[in-house]
């Protein structure tokens, strides 16, 4: 039994080493050849009977807009005219209640809630926001909560694991892990980047170090590690394809910041010296209709740090085409973003008014 364990350990470590050594990064060239067109701007005014607090996540499926509310732990549903239709049950541990604020994603036309319960399950919801089934993931390979990538018989999730098979020099490795929908482990993606490792040594917030996952071109998987600017590409079997480097035009990466320096926000001077130098990725998603990869990132503001809110952050959108050219990298109004049927949606929450922006993209 010991021999078998040793052989498995050697095989996995060898795989990780080989994968890491053969990474060759190609630089993504910035060629501004796209324009965002504001198709529609809609407003919803809340009242005493219905109020949306802090927006936590947004998803769009067909003609429905889903907003996750961090204040009430509910999901609110709107139609394409941005009229409120109904909401999920209030916070609780009942069959159709959420005990934590749910993150939202989709698998085809099904809404999926995750980051709730024991944090390792993905709950498929029906049109009435009731749980109809769940996908469980292995305990040993899951920690960080980010958007998963769904395939017909398997999913790819992020993992910050203590498992010795995917640790490196006694440090946790943030990787992507492929598992079956029946929860069996398939393989890790050993895709750490040296830049990521150097920034992890003096990590400034967990948000910046969380990997983002998305579908990619030719049925691939894209892994973007939060403190890095490198996109690692894998095929749908988890095999490494290539790496591409792109530093966003307005992105700030301060590897000199330590955790203690960032967590102790107590003065305007500290914001100017530290927080004003920080950016973070928020979401990455694939536009199947236009065959484009979108990445959202933002620069923090004094207000957003002090009150732990997205209000006031400066939001940006990156658009990458199938030739791995960045055709758009500029500001976009709205912090939470989703894509559906070739359109980009952002939501802005200002007091008791919600604003929905719908954009199309025009390739010049």
Protein backbone atom coordinates (compact mmCIF):
# COMPACT_ATOMS: atom_id res chain seq x y z
CA UNK A 1 0.00 0.00 0.00
CA UNK A 2 2.88 2.34 0.82
CA UNK A 3 4.48 1.62 -2.57
CA UNK A 4 1.25 2.45 -4.39
CA UNK A 5 0.88 5.72 -2.47
CA UNK A 6 4.49 6.66 -3.23
CA UNK A 7 4.06 5.94 -6.94
CA UNK A 8 0.90 8.06 -7.13
CA UNK A 9 2.64 10.92 -5.31
CA UNK A 10 5.64 10.82 -7.65
CA UNK A 11 3.38 10.74 -10.73
CA UNK A 12 1.36 13.78 -9.64
CA UNK A 13 4.38 15.82 -8.58
CA UNK A 14 6.13 14.95 -11.83
CA UNK A 15 3.05 16.01 -13.78
CA UNK A 16 2.94 19.33 -11.93
CA UNK A 17 6.64 19.97 -12.48
CA UNK A 18 6.49 19.12 -16.16
CA UNK A 19 3.42 21.29 -16.68
CA UNK A 20 5.02 24.22 -14.92
CA UNK A 21 8.34 23.93 -16.75
CA UNK A 22 6.81 23.90 -20.22
CA UNK A 23 4.71 27.04 -19.69
CA UNK A 24 5.71 29.56 -22.32
CA UNK A 25 3.91 32.87 -22.11
CA UNK A 26 2.79 34.73 -25.20
CA UNK A 27 2.05 38.41 -24.77
CA UNK A 28 -1.46 39.55 -25.63
CA UNK A 29 -1.26 42.68 -27.78
CA UNK A 30 -3.63 45.56 -27.11
CA UNK A 31 -5.39 46.46 -30.35
CA UNK A 32 -8.48 48.61 -29.62
CA UNK A 33 -10.90 47.35 -32.24
CA UNK A 34 -14.16 47.20 -30.31
CA UNK A 35 -16.73 49.65 -29.04
CA UNK A 36 -19.44 49.20 -26.42
CA UNK A 37 -22.86 50.52 -27.40
CA UNK A 38 -25.40 51.27 -24.69
CA UNK A 39 -28.54 49.53 -25.97
CA UNK A 40 -30.76 50.20 -22.99
CA UNK A 41 -30.67 51.79 -19.56
CA UNK A 42 -33.48 50.80 -17.19
CA UNK A 43 -34.29 51.85 -13.63
CA UNK A 44 -36.11 50.18 -10.78
CA UNK A 45 -37.14 52.32 -7.82
CA UNK A 46 -37.40 50.40 -4.56
CA UNK A 47 -39.99 51.18 -1.92
CA UNK A 48 -41.02 50.15 1.59
CA UNK A 49 -42.44 46.87 0.27
CA UNK A 50 -39.37 45.88 -1.71
CA UNK A 51 -35.78 46.96 -1.21
CA UNK A 52 -32.46 45.63 -2.53
CA UNK A 53 -29.50 46.11 -0.20
CA UNK A 54 -25.90 45.40 -1.16
CA UNK A 55 -25.69 43.65 -4.53
CA UNK A 56 -23.53 40.55 -4.25
CA UNK A 57 -23.83 38.96 -7.68
CA UNK A 58 -25.79 39.20 -10.94
CA UNK A 59 -26.78 36.63 -13.55
CA UNK A 60 -28.91 36.85 -16.69
CA UNK A 61 -30.68 33.90 -18.30
CA UNK A 62 -32.87 34.52 -21.34
CA UNK A 63 -35.26 37.31 -20.31
CA UNK A 64 -34.69 37.09 -16.55
CA UNK A 65 -32.26 39.13 -14.43
CA UNK A 66 -31.21 37.56 -11.12
CA UNK A 67 -29.69 39.70 -8.36
CA UNK A 68 -28.16 38.23 -5.21
CA UNK A 69 -28.76 40.51 -2.21
CA UNK A 70 -26.08 40.47 0.52
CA UNK A 71 -28.36 42.30 2.94
CA UNK A 72 -31.23 39.78 2.95
CA UNK A 73 -29.45 36.64 1.58
CA UNK A 74 -32.17 36.52 -1.07
CA UNK A 75 -32.19 36.26 -4.86
CA UNK A 76 -34.45 38.79 -6.57
CA UNK A 77 -35.86 38.10 -10.04
CA UNK A 78 -36.62 40.81 -12.61
CA UNK A 79 -38.01 40.64 -16.13
CA UNK A 80 -36.35 42.21 -19.16
CA UNK A 81 -38.18 45.47 -18.44
CA UNK A 82 -36.45 45.47 -15.04
CA UNK A 83 -39.69 44.97 -13.15
CA UNK A 84 -39.46 42.94 -9.96
CA UNK A 85 -41.27 39.61 -10.29
CA UNK A 86 -40.52 37.70 -7.09
CA UNK A 87 -37.77 36.84 -4.61
CA UNK A 88 -36.48 33.71 -2.93
CA UNK A 89 -37.35 32.89 0.66
CA UNK A 90 -35.67 34.94 3.37
CA UNK A 91 -32.43 33.88 5.02
CA UNK A 92 -32.65 30.53 6.79
CA UNK A 93 -31.79 26.84 6.70
CA UNK A 94 -35.03 25.54 5.22
CA UNK A 95 -35.24 23.50 1.99
CA UNK A 96 -35.53 26.56 -0.28
CA UNK A 97 -33.74 29.11 1.90
CA UNK A 98 -30.16 30.34 1.73
CA UNK A 99 -28.13 30.40 4.93
CA UNK A 100 -25.46 32.59 3.31
CA UNK A 101 -25.43 35.08 0.48
CA UNK A 102 -25.53 32.98 -2.71
CA UNK A 103 -23.20 33.44 -5.63
CA UNK A 104 -24.85 32.89 -9.00
CA UNK A 105 -23.84 31.20 -12.22
CA UNK A 106 -25.56 29.21 -14.94
CA UNK A 107 -25.27 25.91 -16.75
CA UNK A 108 -27.04 26.29 -20.08
CA UNK A 109 -30.44 27.70 -19.07
CA UNK A 110 -30.35 26.62 -15.42
CA UNK A 111 -29.60 29.07 -12.62
CA UNK A 112 -27.10 27.70 -10.10
CA UNK A 113 -26.47 29.04 -6.59
CA UNK A 114 -23.27 28.27 -4.69
CA UNK A 115 -21.14 29.47 -1.78
CA UNK A 116 -23.95 28.47 0.59
CA UNK A 117 -24.58 25.52 2.90
CA UNK A 118 -21.28 23.71 3.45
CA UNK A 119 -19.74 25.90 0.69
CA UNK A 120 -18.93 22.90 -1.52
CA UNK A 121 -22.22 22.25 -3.28
CA UNK A 122 -23.73 23.76 -6.41
CA UNK A 123 -27.53 23.95 -6.24
CA UNK A 124 -29.54 23.87 -9.46
CA UNK A 125 -32.66 26.04 -9.09
CA UNK A 126 -35.96 25.94 -10.94
CA UNK A 127 -37.86 28.97 -12.24
CA UNK A 128 -39.27 29.57 -8.75
CA UNK A 129 -35.79 29.52 -7.14
CA UNK A 130 -36.40 26.16 -5.50
CA UNK A 131 -33.54 23.67 -5.27
CA UNK A 132 -34.18 20.77 -7.63
CA UNK A 133 -30.78 19.05 -7.45
CA UNK A 134 -27.20 19.60 -6.36
CA UNK A 135 -23.65 18.88 -7.49
CA UNK A 136 -21.25 17.99 -4.69
CA UNK A 137 -17.49 18.50 -4.81
CA UNK A 138 -14.74 16.67 -2.86
CA UNK A 139 -13.84 18.19 0.49
CA UNK A 140 -10.07 17.93 0.08
CA UNK A 141 -9.86 19.98 -3.10
CA UNK A 142 -12.10 22.95 -2.52
CA UNK A 143 -11.69 26.17 -0.60
CA UNK A 144 -11.89 29.36 -2.64
CA UNK A 145 -15.32 30.25 -4.03
CA UNK A 146 -15.23 31.35 -7.66
CA UNK A 147 -17.25 30.80 -10.79
CA UNK A 148 -17.08 27.13 -11.91
CA UNK A 149 -16.88 25.87 -15.49
CA UNK A 150 -19.47 23.27 -16.48
CA UNK A 151 -19.08 20.50 -19.03
CA UNK A 152 -21.68 17.76 -19.73
CA UNK A 153 -20.09 15.18 -17.40
CA UNK A 154 -17.64 17.20 -15.32
CA UNK A 155 -16.95 20.60 -13.83
CA UNK A 156 -13.84 22.65 -13.13
CA UNK A 157 -13.63 24.42 -9.77
CA UNK A 158 -11.03 26.53 -8.00
CA UNK A 159 -9.17 25.01 -5.08
CA UNK A 160 -6.82 26.23 -2.39
CA UNK A 161 -5.86 22.82 -1.10
CA UNK A 162 -3.84 21.42 1.80
CA UNK A 163 -3.68 18.06 0.07
CA UNK A 164 -0.01 16.97 -0.11
CA UNK A 165 -0.41 15.86 -3.73
CA UNK A 166 -0.78 19.44 -4.89
CA UNK A 167 1.29 21.33 -2.35
CA UNK A 168 4.58 22.95 -3.26
CA UNK A 169 7.34 23.51 -0.68
CA UNK A 170 4.84 23.43 2.19
CA UNK A 171 2.82 26.31 0.72
CA UNK A 172 -0.79 26.15 -0.35
CA UNK A 173 -1.17 26.12 -4.11
CA UNK A 174 -4.14 27.81 -5.71
CA UNK A 175 -5.10 25.58 -8.61
CA UNK A 176 -8.07 24.57 -10.68
CA UNK A 177 -9.42 21.08 -10.11
CA UNK A 178 -11.50 18.96 -12.47
CA UNK A 179 -14.13 16.69 -10.89
CA UNK A 180 -16.97 14.58 -12.19
CA UNK A 181 -20.52 15.75 -11.63
CA UNK A 182 -20.82 12.80 -9.28
CA UNK A 183 -18.03 14.46 -7.21
CA UNK A 184 -15.17 12.05 -7.99
CA UNK A 185 -11.81 13.76 -8.36
CA UNK A 186 -10.30 13.66 -11.87
CA UNK A 187 -7.14 15.78 -11.86
CA UNK A 188 -5.57 19.05 -10.64
CA UNK A 189 -4.47 21.88 -12.90
CA UNK A 190 -0.98 22.70 -11.64
CA UNK A 191 -0.81 26.13 -13.19
CA UNK A 192 0.86 28.40 -10.67
CA UNK A 193 2.76 31.31 -12.13
CA UNK A 194 6.02 32.65 -10.59
CA UNK A 195 4.53 36.15 -10.47
CA UNK A 196 1.59 34.77 -8.56
CA UNK A 197 3.89 33.01 -6.08
CA UNK A 198 5.91 36.16 -5.44
CA UNK A 199 2.76 38.18 -4.81
CA UNK A 200 1.34 35.44 -2.59
CA UNK A 201 4.34 35.81 -0.26
CA UNK A 202 3.09 39.26 0.70
CA UNK A 203 -0.55 38.80 -0.18
CA UNK A 204 -2.68 41.88 0.30
CA UNK A 205 -6.22 40.47 0.16
CA UNK A 206 -7.72 37.06 -0.51
CA UNK A 207 -9.86 38.63 -3.21
CA UNK A 208 -6.83 39.46 -5.30
CA UNK A 209 -5.43 35.94 -5.00
CA UNK A 210 -8.59 34.04 -5.88
CA UNK A 211 -8.35 32.37 -9.30
CA UNK A 212 -10.97 33.12 -11.93
CA UNK A 213 -12.24 30.38 -14.25
CA UNK A 214 -14.16 30.54 -17.52
CA UNK A 215 -14.89 28.67 -20.69
CA UNK A 216 -12.46 29.58 -23.44
CA UNK A 217 -12.03 29.25 -27.17
CA UNK A 218 -12.37 25.80 -28.76
CA UNK A 219 -14.08 24.32 -25.69
CA UNK A 220 -11.12 25.12 -23.45
CA UNK A 221 -10.81 26.32 -19.84
CA UNK A 222 -9.13 29.61 -18.91
CA UNK A 223 -7.48 30.00 -15.49
CA UNK A 224 -6.53 33.52 -14.40
CA UNK A 225 -4.76 33.70 -11.04
CA UNK A 226 -5.78 36.81 -9.17
CA UNK A 227 -2.39 38.38 -8.40
CA UNK A 228 -1.02 37.46 -11.81
CA UNK A 229 -1.66 38.73 -15.33
CA UNK A 230 -1.24 35.33 -16.99
CA UNK A 231 -4.07 33.37 -18.60
CA UNK A 232 -3.33 29.63 -18.54
CA UNK A 233 -5.31 27.63 -21.10
CA UNK A 234 -6.32 23.95 -20.72
CA UNK A 235 -8.39 21.73 -22.97
CA UNK A 236 -11.58 20.11 -21.70
CA UNK A 237 -9.58 17.10 -20.52
CA UNK A 238 -7.47 19.26 -18.25
CA UNK A 239 -4.32 19.17 -20.39
CA UNK A 240 -2.21 22.29 -20.66
CA UNK A 241 -2.44 24.15 -23.99
CA UNK A 242 -0.63 27.47 -23.52
CA UNK A 243 -0.26 30.70 -21.55
CA UNK A 244 -0.90 34.32 -22.45
CA UNK A 245 0.19 37.40 -20.54
CA UNK A 246 -1.72 40.67 -20.51
CA UNK A 247 -1.44 43.46 -17.97
CA UNK A 248 -4.63 45.56 -18.07
CA UNK A 249 -4.19 49.22 -18.91
CA UNK A 250 -5.52 50.44 -15.56
CA UNK A 251 -4.50 47.52 -13.35
CA UNK A 252 -2.19 48.04 -10.36
CA UNK A 253 -0.15 45.24 -8.82
CA UNK A 254 1.80 46.21 -5.69
CA UNK A 255 3.74 43.09 -4.57
CA UNK A 256 5.44 45.08 -1.80
CA UNK A 257 2.23 45.33 0.25
CA UNK A 258 1.92 43.02 3.23
CA UNK A 259 -1.29 41.62 4.69
CA UNK A 260 -1.07 43.74 7.85
CA UNK A 261 -0.50 46.92 5.89
CA UNK A 262 -3.67 46.40 3.94
CA UNK A 263 -6.00 45.15 6.65
CA UNK A 264 -5.41 48.08 8.96
CA UNK A 265 -7.31 50.83 7.20
CA UNK A 266 -7.47 53.68 9.68
CA UNK A 267 -6.46 56.86 7.93
CA UNK A 268 -6.56 58.76 4.67
CA UNK A 269 -2.77 58.52 4.56
CA UNK A 270 -2.93 54.73 4.63
CA UNK A 271 -5.41 54.74 1.76
CA UNK A 272 -3.20 57.02 -0.30
CA UNK A 273 -0.08 54.96 0.43
CA UNK A 274 -1.55 51.49 0.04
CA UNK A 275 -5.19 51.05 -0.97
CA UNK A 276 -5.03 53.53 -3.84
CA UNK A 277 -2.44 51.23 -5.44
CA UNK A 278 -4.69 48.16 -5.46
CA UNK A 279 -6.83 46.69 -8.21
CA UNK A 280 -8.71 43.40 -8.27
CA UNK A 281 -10.28 41.08 -10.81
CA UNK A 282 -13.98 40.46 -10.26
CA UNK A 283 -15.34 38.17 -12.97
CA UNK A 284 -14.33 36.36 -16.13
CA UNK A 285 -16.86 34.91 -18.55
CA UNK A 286 -17.14 33.69 -22.12
CA UNK A 287 -19.49 35.13 -24.73
CA UNK A 288 -20.48 32.07 -26.74
CA UNK A 289 -22.36 34.04 -29.38
CA UNK A 290 -19.58 36.51 -30.20
CA UNK A 291 -16.71 34.15 -29.29
CA UNK A 292 -15.15 36.66 -26.93
CA UNK A 293 -13.59 36.41 -23.47
CA UNK A 294 -14.57 39.13 -20.96
CA UNK A 295 -12.68 40.02 -17.78
CA UNK A 296 -13.94 42.55 -15.24
CA UNK A 297 -11.58 44.33 -12.87
CA UNK A 298 -11.81 47.39 -10.68
CA UNK A 299 -9.75 49.93 -8.75
CA UNK A 300 -10.62 50.42 -5.11
CA UNK A 301 -11.69 53.74 -3.66
CA UNK A 302 -11.57 55.10 -0.13
CA UNK A 303 -15.32 54.72 0.24
CA UNK A 304 -15.36 51.13 -0.99
CA UNK A 305 -12.60 50.12 1.44
CA UNK A 306 -13.94 51.93 4.48
CA UNK A 307 -17.49 50.60 4.12
CA UNK A 308 -16.65 47.30 2.39
CA UNK A 309 -18.91 48.06 -0.54
CA UNK A 310 -18.62 48.20 -4.32
CA UNK A 311 -20.16 51.67 -4.44
CA UNK A 312 -17.67 54.11 -5.88
CA UNK A 313 -15.24 51.58 -7.32
CA UNK A 314 -13.88 52.26 -10.80
CA UNK A 315 -14.90 49.35 -13.03
CA UNK A 316 -13.19 48.23 -16.23
CA UNK A 317 -13.84 45.59 -18.87
CA UNK A 318 -11.30 43.63 -20.93
CA UNK A 319 -12.36 41.93 -24.17
CA UNK A 320 -10.09 39.30 -25.76
CA UNK A 321 -10.78 37.71 -29.15
CA UNK A 322 -9.97 34.22 -30.45
CA UNK A 323 -6.58 35.40 -31.77
CA UNK A 324 -5.69 36.44 -28.21
CA UNK A 325 -5.73 40.12 -28.98
CA UNK A 326 -7.17 42.55 -26.45
CA UNK A 327 -9.66 44.56 -28.48
CA UNK A 328 -11.15 46.52 -25.57
CA UNK A 329 -9.81 47.63 -22.17
CA UNK A 330 -11.63 50.61 -20.73
CA UNK A 331 -14.12 51.82 -18.14
CA UNK A 332 -17.62 50.41 -17.90
CA UNK A 333 -20.45 51.72 -15.75
CA UNK A 334 -21.54 49.21 -13.15
CA UNK A 335 -19.74 46.85 -10.82
CA UNK A 336 -21.60 43.57 -11.24
CA UNK A 337 -21.54 42.16 -14.76
CA UNK A 338 -23.16 39.30 -16.70
CA UNK A 339 -23.38 38.23 -20.34
CA UNK A 340 -26.30 36.65 -22.20
CA UNK A 341 -26.99 36.14 -25.90
CA UNK A 342 -24.16 38.44 -26.94
CA UNK A 343 -25.17 41.32 -24.64
CA UNK A 344 -23.29 42.62 -21.60
CA UNK A 345 -25.30 43.60 -18.52
CA UNK A 346 -24.17 45.71 -15.57
CA UNK A 347 -26.11 46.72 -12.47
CA UNK A 348 -25.60 49.89 -10.46
CA UNK A 349 -27.07 50.32 -6.98
CA UNK A 350 -27.43 53.92 -5.87
CA UNK A 351 -29.49 54.23 -2.70
CA UNK A 352 -33.05 53.07 -3.35
CA UNK A 353 -32.64 53.00 -7.14
CA UNK A 354 -31.30 50.13 -9.24
CA UNK A 355 -29.92 50.82 -12.69
CA UNK A 356 -29.57 48.13 -15.36
CA UNK A 357 -27.28 48.81 -18.33
CA UNK A 358 -27.44 46.63 -21.43
CA UNK A 359 -24.54 46.85 -23.90
CA UNK A 360 -23.79 45.38 -27.28
CA UNK A 361 -20.27 45.12 -28.62
CA UNK A 362 -19.29 46.37 -32.05
CA UNK A 363 -16.09 45.04 -33.62
CA UNK A 364 -14.49 47.87 -35.60
